[in-house]
N, C-alpha and C. Protein backbone atom coordinates (compact mmCIF):
# COMPACT_ATOMS: atom_id res chain seq x y z
N UNK A 1 -15.11 83.30 98.32
CA UNK A 1 -15.25 82.35 97.22
C UNK A 1 -16.32 81.30 97.53
N UNK A 2 -16.33 80.78 98.74
CA UNK A 2 -17.30 79.74 99.08
C UNK A 2 -18.73 80.20 98.93
N UNK A 3 -19.02 81.47 99.30
CA UNK A 3 -20.40 81.96 99.16
C UNK A 3 -20.79 82.07 97.68
N UNK A 4 -19.84 82.44 96.83
CA UNK A 4 -20.12 82.47 95.39
C UNK A 4 -20.42 81.06 94.87
N UNK A 5 -19.65 80.09 95.35
CA UNK A 5 -19.84 78.70 94.91
C UNK A 5 -21.19 78.15 95.39
N UNK A 6 -21.57 78.49 96.61
CA UNK A 6 -22.88 78.06 97.12
C UNK A 6 -23.98 78.69 96.28
N UNK A 7 -23.85 79.98 95.98
CA UNK A 7 -24.86 80.67 95.17
C UNK A 7 -24.97 80.03 93.79
N UNK A 8 -23.84 79.68 93.19
CA UNK A 8 -23.86 79.02 91.88
C UNK A 8 -24.57 77.67 91.96
N UNK A 9 -24.27 76.91 92.99
CA UNK A 9 -24.90 75.60 93.15
C UNK A 9 -26.41 75.74 93.33
N UNK A 10 -26.84 76.68 94.15
CA UNK A 10 -28.28 76.91 94.33
C UNK A 10 -28.92 77.34 93.01
N UNK A 11 -28.24 78.21 92.29
CA UNK A 11 -28.76 78.67 90.99
C UNK A 11 -28.87 77.50 90.02
N UNK A 12 -27.88 76.60 90.04
CA UNK A 12 -27.89 75.41 89.18
C UNK A 12 -29.18 74.62 89.38
N UNK A 13 -29.50 74.31 90.63
CA UNK A 13 -30.70 73.52 90.90
C UNK A 13 -31.97 74.27 90.51
N UNK A 14 -32.00 75.56 90.77
CA UNK A 14 -33.19 76.35 90.44
C UNK A 14 -33.37 76.47 88.92
N UNK A 15 -32.32 76.87 88.23
CA UNK A 15 -32.44 77.11 86.79
C UNK A 15 -32.56 75.83 85.97
N UNK A 16 -31.66 74.88 86.19
CA UNK A 16 -31.60 73.67 85.36
C UNK A 16 -32.74 72.72 85.71
N UNK A 17 -32.90 72.41 86.99
CA UNK A 17 -33.87 71.39 87.37
C UNK A 17 -35.26 71.96 87.58
N UNK A 18 -35.40 73.00 88.37
CA UNK A 18 -36.74 73.48 88.68
C UNK A 18 -37.38 74.23 87.52
N UNK A 19 -36.60 75.00 86.77
CA UNK A 19 -37.16 75.77 85.65
C UNK A 19 -36.95 75.08 84.30
N UNK A 20 -36.08 74.08 84.24
CA UNK A 20 -35.86 73.37 82.99
C UNK A 20 -35.10 74.16 81.94
N UNK A 21 -34.28 75.09 82.38
CA UNK A 21 -33.51 75.92 81.45
C UNK A 21 -32.23 75.19 81.03
N UNK A 22 -32.32 74.37 80.02
CA UNK A 22 -31.17 73.62 79.54
C UNK A 22 -30.07 74.57 79.06
N UNK A 23 -30.44 75.72 78.51
CA UNK A 23 -29.44 76.68 78.05
C UNK A 23 -28.60 77.23 79.21
N UNK A 24 -29.13 77.20 80.42
CA UNK A 24 -28.38 77.69 81.59
C UNK A 24 -27.21 76.78 81.93
N UNK A 25 -27.24 75.54 81.46
CA UNK A 25 -26.14 74.61 81.71
C UNK A 25 -24.84 75.19 81.16
N UNK A 26 -24.89 75.75 79.96
CA UNK A 26 -23.69 76.34 79.34
C UNK A 26 -23.16 77.52 80.15
N UNK A 27 -24.04 78.25 80.80
CA UNK A 27 -23.64 79.41 81.61
C UNK A 27 -22.91 79.00 82.89
N UNK A 28 -23.29 77.85 83.45
CA UNK A 28 -22.82 77.51 84.79
C UNK A 28 -21.83 76.35 84.86
N UNK A 29 -21.67 75.60 83.79
CA UNK A 29 -20.79 74.43 83.82
C UNK A 29 -19.75 74.50 82.70
N UNK A 30 -18.59 73.97 83.00
CA UNK A 30 -17.53 73.89 81.99
C UNK A 30 -17.93 72.89 80.91
N UNK A 31 -17.53 73.17 79.69
CA UNK A 31 -17.89 72.33 78.54
C UNK A 31 -17.50 70.87 78.74
N UNK A 32 -16.37 70.63 79.43
CA UNK A 32 -15.88 69.27 79.63
C UNK A 32 -16.15 68.74 81.04
N UNK A 33 -17.15 69.30 81.71
CA UNK A 33 -17.50 68.87 83.08
C UNK A 33 -17.82 67.37 83.09
N UNK A 34 -17.55 66.75 84.24
CA UNK A 34 -17.82 65.33 84.41
C UNK A 34 -18.84 65.15 85.53
N UNK A 35 -19.83 64.31 85.28
CA UNK A 35 -20.85 64.01 86.27
C UNK A 35 -20.77 62.55 86.67
N UNK A 36 -20.80 62.31 87.97
CA UNK A 36 -20.76 60.95 88.52
C UNK A 36 -22.09 60.68 89.25
N UNK A 37 -22.71 59.56 88.95
CA UNK A 37 -23.89 59.16 89.70
C UNK A 37 -25.22 59.55 89.11
N UNK A 38 -25.23 60.19 87.97
CA UNK A 38 -26.51 60.56 87.37
C UNK A 38 -27.09 59.42 86.55
N UNK A 39 -26.25 58.72 85.84
CA UNK A 39 -26.71 57.72 84.88
C UNK A 39 -26.61 56.32 85.47
N UNK A 40 -26.51 55.33 84.60
CA UNK A 40 -26.42 53.94 85.01
C UNK A 40 -25.29 53.74 86.01
N UNK A 41 -25.45 52.73 86.84
CA UNK A 41 -24.46 52.45 87.87
C UNK A 41 -23.06 52.35 87.26
N UNK A 42 -22.19 53.17 87.75
CA UNK A 42 -20.80 53.14 87.30
C UNK A 42 -20.51 53.95 86.06
N UNK A 43 -21.54 54.47 85.40
CA UNK A 43 -21.32 55.25 84.17
C UNK A 43 -21.25 56.73 84.52
N UNK A 44 -20.25 57.39 84.00
CA UNK A 44 -20.12 58.83 84.18
C UNK A 44 -20.65 59.55 82.96
N UNK A 45 -21.02 60.80 83.15
CA UNK A 45 -21.43 61.66 82.04
C UNK A 45 -20.26 62.59 81.78
N UNK A 46 -19.77 62.58 80.53
CA UNK A 46 -18.61 63.40 80.16
C UNK A 46 -19.05 64.53 79.22
N UNK A 47 -18.94 65.74 79.70
CA UNK A 47 -19.24 66.90 78.88
C UNK A 47 -20.71 67.26 78.86
N UNK A 48 -20.95 68.49 78.49
CA UNK A 48 -22.32 69.01 78.51
C UNK A 48 -23.20 68.38 77.44
N UNK A 49 -22.60 67.94 76.34
CA UNK A 49 -23.41 67.32 75.29
C UNK A 49 -23.95 65.97 75.72
N UNK A 50 -23.34 65.32 76.70
CA UNK A 50 -23.91 64.10 77.28
C UNK A 50 -24.88 64.44 78.41
N UNK A 51 -24.62 65.53 79.12
CA UNK A 51 -25.45 65.87 80.27
C UNK A 51 -26.82 66.42 79.85
N UNK A 52 -26.86 67.23 78.81
CA UNK A 52 -28.12 67.85 78.40
C UNK A 52 -29.22 66.83 78.07
N UNK A 53 -28.94 65.75 77.34
CA UNK A 53 -29.99 64.76 77.09
C UNK A 53 -30.49 64.09 78.38
N UNK A 54 -29.59 63.94 79.36
CA UNK A 54 -30.01 63.38 80.65
C UNK A 54 -31.03 64.30 81.31
N UNK A 55 -30.75 65.59 81.32
CA UNK A 55 -31.67 66.57 81.91
C UNK A 55 -33.00 66.55 81.16
N UNK A 56 -32.94 66.59 79.84
CA UNK A 56 -34.18 66.60 79.04
C UNK A 56 -35.02 65.35 79.29
N UNK A 57 -34.35 64.20 79.37
CA UNK A 57 -35.04 62.93 79.58
C UNK A 57 -35.73 62.89 80.94
N UNK A 58 -35.01 63.27 81.99
CA UNK A 58 -35.58 63.23 83.33
C UNK A 58 -36.72 64.25 83.46
N UNK A 59 -36.54 65.44 82.90
CA UNK A 59 -37.59 66.46 82.97
C UNK A 59 -38.79 66.08 82.09
N UNK A 60 -38.59 65.31 81.02
CA UNK A 60 -39.73 64.86 80.20
C UNK A 60 -40.57 63.85 80.99
N UNK A 61 -39.91 63.02 81.78
CA UNK A 61 -40.62 62.03 82.59
C UNK A 61 -41.28 62.67 83.81
N UNK A 62 -40.63 63.71 84.35
CA UNK A 62 -41.10 64.38 85.56
C UNK A 62 -41.07 65.90 85.33
N UNK A 63 -41.96 66.43 84.50
CA UNK A 63 -41.87 67.83 84.10
C UNK A 63 -42.12 68.83 85.23
N UNK A 64 -42.73 68.39 86.31
CA UNK A 64 -43.01 69.31 87.42
C UNK A 64 -42.00 69.14 88.57
N UNK A 65 -40.84 68.58 88.27
CA UNK A 65 -39.84 68.35 89.32
C UNK A 65 -39.54 69.64 90.07
N UNK A 66 -39.50 69.53 91.37
CA UNK A 66 -39.17 70.67 92.22
C UNK A 66 -38.16 70.18 93.25
N UNK A 67 -36.93 70.69 93.14
CA UNK A 67 -35.87 70.32 94.07
C UNK A 67 -35.71 71.44 95.08
N UNK A 68 -35.72 71.06 96.34
CA UNK A 68 -35.51 72.01 97.43
C UNK A 68 -34.22 71.64 98.15
N UNK A 69 -33.32 72.59 98.25
CA UNK A 69 -32.06 72.35 98.96
C UNK A 69 -32.31 72.55 100.44
N UNK A 70 -32.01 71.51 101.22
CA UNK A 70 -32.23 71.53 102.66
C UNK A 70 -30.99 71.93 103.44
N UNK A 71 -29.81 71.70 102.87
CA UNK A 71 -28.56 71.96 103.58
C UNK A 71 -27.45 72.20 102.56
N UNK A 72 -26.63 73.19 102.80
CA UNK A 72 -25.46 73.47 101.95
C UNK A 72 -24.23 73.56 102.83
N UNK A 73 -23.16 72.94 102.37
CA UNK A 73 -21.88 73.01 103.07
C UNK A 73 -20.81 73.27 102.02
N UNK A 74 -19.96 74.26 102.27
CA UNK A 74 -18.92 74.61 101.30
C UNK A 74 -17.55 74.51 101.95
N UNK A 75 -16.61 74.00 101.17
CA UNK A 75 -15.22 73.97 101.60
C UNK A 75 -14.35 74.08 100.35
N UNK A 76 -13.60 75.16 100.27
CA UNK A 76 -12.75 75.37 99.11
C UNK A 76 -13.56 75.42 97.84
N UNK A 77 -13.18 74.58 96.88
CA UNK A 77 -13.88 74.58 95.59
C UNK A 77 -15.06 73.61 95.54
N UNK A 78 -15.40 73.01 96.69
CA UNK A 78 -16.51 72.05 96.74
C UNK A 78 -17.71 72.61 97.50
N UNK A 79 -18.89 72.29 96.98
CA UNK A 79 -20.14 72.60 97.66
C UNK A 79 -20.95 71.32 97.72
N UNK A 80 -21.38 70.95 98.93
CA UNK A 80 -22.24 69.78 99.11
C UNK A 80 -23.63 70.27 99.49
N UNK A 81 -24.63 69.70 98.86
CA UNK A 81 -26.01 70.03 99.20
C UNK A 81 -26.79 68.75 99.43
N UNK A 82 -27.63 68.78 100.45
CA UNK A 82 -28.60 67.71 100.66
C UNK A 82 -29.95 68.29 100.25
N UNK A 83 -30.71 67.55 99.47
CA UNK A 83 -31.94 68.07 98.90
C UNK A 83 -33.05 67.04 98.92
N UNK A 84 -34.26 67.51 98.71
CA UNK A 84 -35.37 66.60 98.45
C UNK A 84 -36.11 67.12 97.22
N UNK A 85 -36.74 66.19 96.53
CA UNK A 85 -37.46 66.54 95.30
C UNK A 85 -38.85 65.94 95.33
N UNK A 86 -39.80 66.70 94.81
CA UNK A 86 -41.14 66.20 94.58
C UNK A 86 -41.42 66.31 93.09
N UNK A 87 -42.17 65.36 92.57
CA UNK A 87 -42.44 65.34 91.14
C UNK A 87 -43.57 64.36 90.84
N UNK A 88 -44.08 64.43 89.64
CA UNK A 88 -45.14 63.53 89.20
C UNK A 88 -44.66 62.80 87.94
N UNK A 89 -44.87 61.50 87.91
CA UNK A 89 -44.42 60.67 86.78
C UNK A 89 -45.41 60.85 85.62
N UNK A 90 -45.10 61.78 84.72
CA UNK A 90 -46.00 62.13 83.62
C UNK A 90 -45.50 61.71 82.25
N UNK A 91 -44.28 61.21 82.16
CA UNK A 91 -43.72 60.80 80.87
C UNK A 91 -42.93 59.51 81.02
N UNK A 92 -42.54 58.94 79.88
CA UNK A 92 -41.75 57.72 79.87
C UNK A 92 -40.49 57.89 80.70
N UNK A 93 -40.21 56.95 81.60
CA UNK A 93 -38.99 56.97 82.40
C UNK A 93 -38.35 55.60 82.29
N UNK A 94 -37.14 55.57 81.72
CA UNK A 94 -36.49 54.30 81.40
C UNK A 94 -37.47 53.50 80.56
N UNK A 95 -37.86 52.32 80.98
CA UNK A 95 -38.81 51.52 80.20
C UNK A 95 -40.21 51.55 80.80
N UNK A 96 -40.50 52.55 81.63
CA UNK A 96 -41.76 52.57 82.35
C UNK A 96 -42.67 53.70 81.85
N UNK A 97 -43.87 53.31 81.43
CA UNK A 97 -44.86 54.27 80.95
C UNK A 97 -45.29 55.18 82.10
N UNK A 98 -45.77 56.37 81.77
CA UNK A 98 -46.22 57.30 82.81
C UNK A 98 -47.30 56.69 83.69
N UNK A 99 -47.21 56.92 84.98
CA UNK A 99 -48.19 56.38 85.93
C UNK A 99 -49.04 57.46 86.56
N UNK A 100 -48.61 58.72 86.46
CA UNK A 100 -49.32 59.80 87.13
C UNK A 100 -49.09 59.84 88.63
N UNK A 101 -48.20 58.98 89.11
CA UNK A 101 -47.95 58.91 90.56
C UNK A 101 -47.01 60.02 91.02
N UNK A 102 -47.31 60.52 92.22
CA UNK A 102 -46.44 61.50 92.86
C UNK A 102 -45.25 60.79 93.49
N UNK A 103 -44.09 61.43 93.40
CA UNK A 103 -42.84 60.85 93.90
C UNK A 103 -42.14 61.89 94.77
N UNK A 104 -41.57 61.41 95.87
CA UNK A 104 -40.71 62.24 96.71
C UNK A 104 -39.43 61.46 96.96
N UNK A 105 -38.29 62.08 96.67
CA UNK A 105 -36.99 61.44 96.88
C UNK A 105 -36.05 62.42 97.56
N UNK A 106 -34.94 61.88 98.05
CA UNK A 106 -33.89 62.71 98.63
C UNK A 106 -32.58 62.41 97.92
N UNK A 107 -31.63 63.33 98.06
CA UNK A 107 -30.33 63.12 97.45
C UNK A 107 -29.29 64.05 98.03
N UNK A 108 -28.06 63.75 97.72
CA UNK A 108 -26.93 64.57 98.10
C UNK A 108 -26.09 64.79 96.85
N UNK A 109 -25.70 66.03 96.62
CA UNK A 109 -24.88 66.37 95.46
C UNK A 109 -23.68 67.18 95.92
N UNK A 110 -22.56 66.91 95.28
CA UNK A 110 -21.34 67.67 95.54
C UNK A 110 -20.88 68.24 94.21
N UNK A 111 -20.64 69.54 94.19
CA UNK A 111 -20.15 70.21 92.99
C UNK A 111 -18.72 70.68 93.24
N UNK A 112 -17.87 70.51 92.24
CA UNK A 112 -16.54 71.13 92.30
C UNK A 112 -16.56 72.28 91.31
N UNK A 113 -16.23 73.46 91.82
CA UNK A 113 -16.35 74.68 91.03
C UNK A 113 -14.97 75.34 90.90
N UNK A 114 -14.59 75.61 89.66
CA UNK A 114 -13.31 76.25 89.36
C UNK A 114 -13.58 77.45 88.45
N UNK A 115 -13.07 78.60 88.82
CA UNK A 115 -13.24 79.83 88.03
C UNK A 115 -14.71 80.11 87.70
N UNK A 116 -15.59 79.88 88.68
CA UNK A 116 -16.99 80.22 88.51
C UNK A 116 -17.81 79.26 87.68
N UNK A 117 -17.25 78.07 87.37
CA UNK A 117 -17.98 77.07 86.58
C UNK A 117 -17.91 75.71 87.28
N UNK A 118 -18.99 74.96 87.19
CA UNK A 118 -19.00 73.60 87.70
C UNK A 118 -18.16 72.74 86.76
N UNK A 119 -17.15 72.07 87.32
CA UNK A 119 -16.28 71.22 86.49
C UNK A 119 -16.47 69.74 86.79
N UNK A 120 -17.07 69.45 87.94
CA UNK A 120 -17.29 68.05 88.30
C UNK A 120 -18.42 67.99 89.32
N UNK A 121 -19.21 66.93 89.25
CA UNK A 121 -20.30 66.76 90.20
C UNK A 121 -20.49 65.30 90.54
N UNK A 122 -20.85 65.07 91.80
CA UNK A 122 -21.16 63.73 92.29
C UNK A 122 -22.57 63.76 92.84
N UNK A 123 -23.40 62.83 92.39
CA UNK A 123 -24.78 62.77 92.86
C UNK A 123 -25.08 61.39 93.41
N UNK A 124 -25.74 61.40 94.56
CA UNK A 124 -26.21 60.17 95.16
C UNK A 124 -27.66 60.44 95.54
N UNK A 125 -28.58 59.87 94.77
CA UNK A 125 -29.99 60.10 95.03
C UNK A 125 -30.74 58.78 95.06
N UNK A 126 -31.86 58.79 95.72
CA UNK A 126 -32.60 57.56 96.01
C UNK A 126 -33.38 57.07 94.79
N UNK A 127 -32.66 56.49 93.87
CA UNK A 127 -33.27 55.98 92.64
C UNK A 127 -34.21 54.82 92.94
N UNK A 128 -33.88 54.00 93.96
CA UNK A 128 -34.76 52.89 94.31
C UNK A 128 -36.11 53.40 94.80
N UNK A 129 -36.11 54.43 95.63
CA UNK A 129 -37.39 54.99 96.11
C UNK A 129 -38.23 55.49 94.94
N UNK A 130 -37.59 56.11 93.97
CA UNK A 130 -38.32 56.58 92.79
C UNK A 130 -38.97 55.40 92.07
N UNK A 131 -38.21 54.34 91.84
CA UNK A 131 -38.74 53.17 91.14
C UNK A 131 -39.86 52.49 91.91
N UNK A 132 -39.75 52.43 93.24
CA UNK A 132 -40.80 51.84 94.06
C UNK A 132 -42.06 52.70 93.96
N UNK A 133 -41.91 54.01 94.04
CA UNK A 133 -43.07 54.90 94.05
C UNK A 133 -43.82 54.93 92.72
N UNK A 134 -43.13 54.65 91.60
CA UNK A 134 -43.85 54.59 90.32
C UNK A 134 -44.33 53.17 90.01
N UNK A 135 -44.04 52.23 90.93
CA UNK A 135 -44.51 50.86 90.76
C UNK A 135 -43.63 49.98 89.90
N UNK A 136 -42.42 50.44 89.59
CA UNK A 136 -41.51 49.66 88.75
C UNK A 136 -40.81 48.56 89.54
N UNK A 137 -40.72 48.74 90.84
CA UNK A 137 -40.08 47.78 91.74
C UNK A 137 -41.02 47.58 92.92
N UNK A 138 -41.23 46.33 93.35
CA UNK A 138 -42.14 46.13 94.48
C UNK A 138 -41.56 46.68 95.79
N UNK A 139 -42.47 47.09 96.66
CA UNK A 139 -42.08 47.56 97.98
C UNK A 139 -41.58 46.39 98.79
N UNK A 140 -40.48 46.57 99.52
CA UNK A 140 -39.95 45.52 100.39
C UNK A 140 -40.90 45.34 101.56
N UNK A 141 -41.15 44.11 101.90
CA UNK A 141 -42.01 43.78 103.05
C UNK A 141 -41.13 43.13 104.10
N UNK A 142 -40.85 43.87 105.14
CA UNK A 142 -40.01 43.33 106.20
C UNK A 142 -40.90 42.66 107.24
N UNK A 143 -40.52 41.45 107.63
CA UNK A 143 -41.28 40.70 108.62
C UNK A 143 -40.90 41.15 110.02
N UNK A 144 -41.86 41.12 110.94
CA UNK A 144 -41.48 41.38 112.33
C UNK A 144 -40.46 40.35 112.78
N UNK A 145 -39.60 40.73 113.72
CA UNK A 145 -38.51 39.87 114.17
C UNK A 145 -39.00 38.47 114.57
N UNK A 146 -40.12 38.38 115.23
CA UNK A 146 -40.61 37.07 115.69
C UNK A 146 -41.02 36.17 114.54
N UNK A 147 -41.23 36.71 113.36
CA UNK A 147 -41.62 35.88 112.22
C UNK A 147 -40.46 35.56 111.30
N UNK A 148 -39.29 36.13 111.55
CA UNK A 148 -38.13 35.85 110.71
C UNK A 148 -37.65 34.43 110.98
N UNK A 149 -37.15 33.79 109.94
CA UNK A 149 -36.59 32.43 110.11
C UNK A 149 -35.30 32.51 110.90
N UNK A 150 -35.13 31.57 111.72
CA UNK A 150 -33.88 31.49 112.49
C UNK A 150 -32.94 30.55 111.76
N UNK A 151 -31.70 30.99 111.61
CA UNK A 151 -30.74 30.11 110.94
C UNK A 151 -30.28 29.04 111.92
N UNK A 152 -30.06 27.86 111.36
CA UNK A 152 -29.70 26.70 112.20
C UNK A 152 -28.27 26.74 112.65
């Protein structure tokens, strides 16, 4: 069962994200699947009808997104993958106009799979790095230790 779940998870990233096949979502996920960590902080995505616009929006902003799975771990009905993505900011993302900048981010996703369908997913990806790389957030400038202020 675990190898089937790993294969489904790999197929999910390839079909949905790398190829942009929104119709494949219905093949691989339960209609009432819940996603955690994709949208605004603390907001979950409930059901495929909420998830599909998220996919379309992210792929419109980054149409050449390529996610590579670096590590897969399976236990029971859960599959965890650590991945990295490369993409170019070619469309509107949130309130930020396209910059044409290349972006590289990393993330970890956990899928819960029941009866051959994804029923729940947790994503933790470096949204701050993405925003810094498109220029939406300034890069942090850390001072060398000798220049840091000492507290009294």
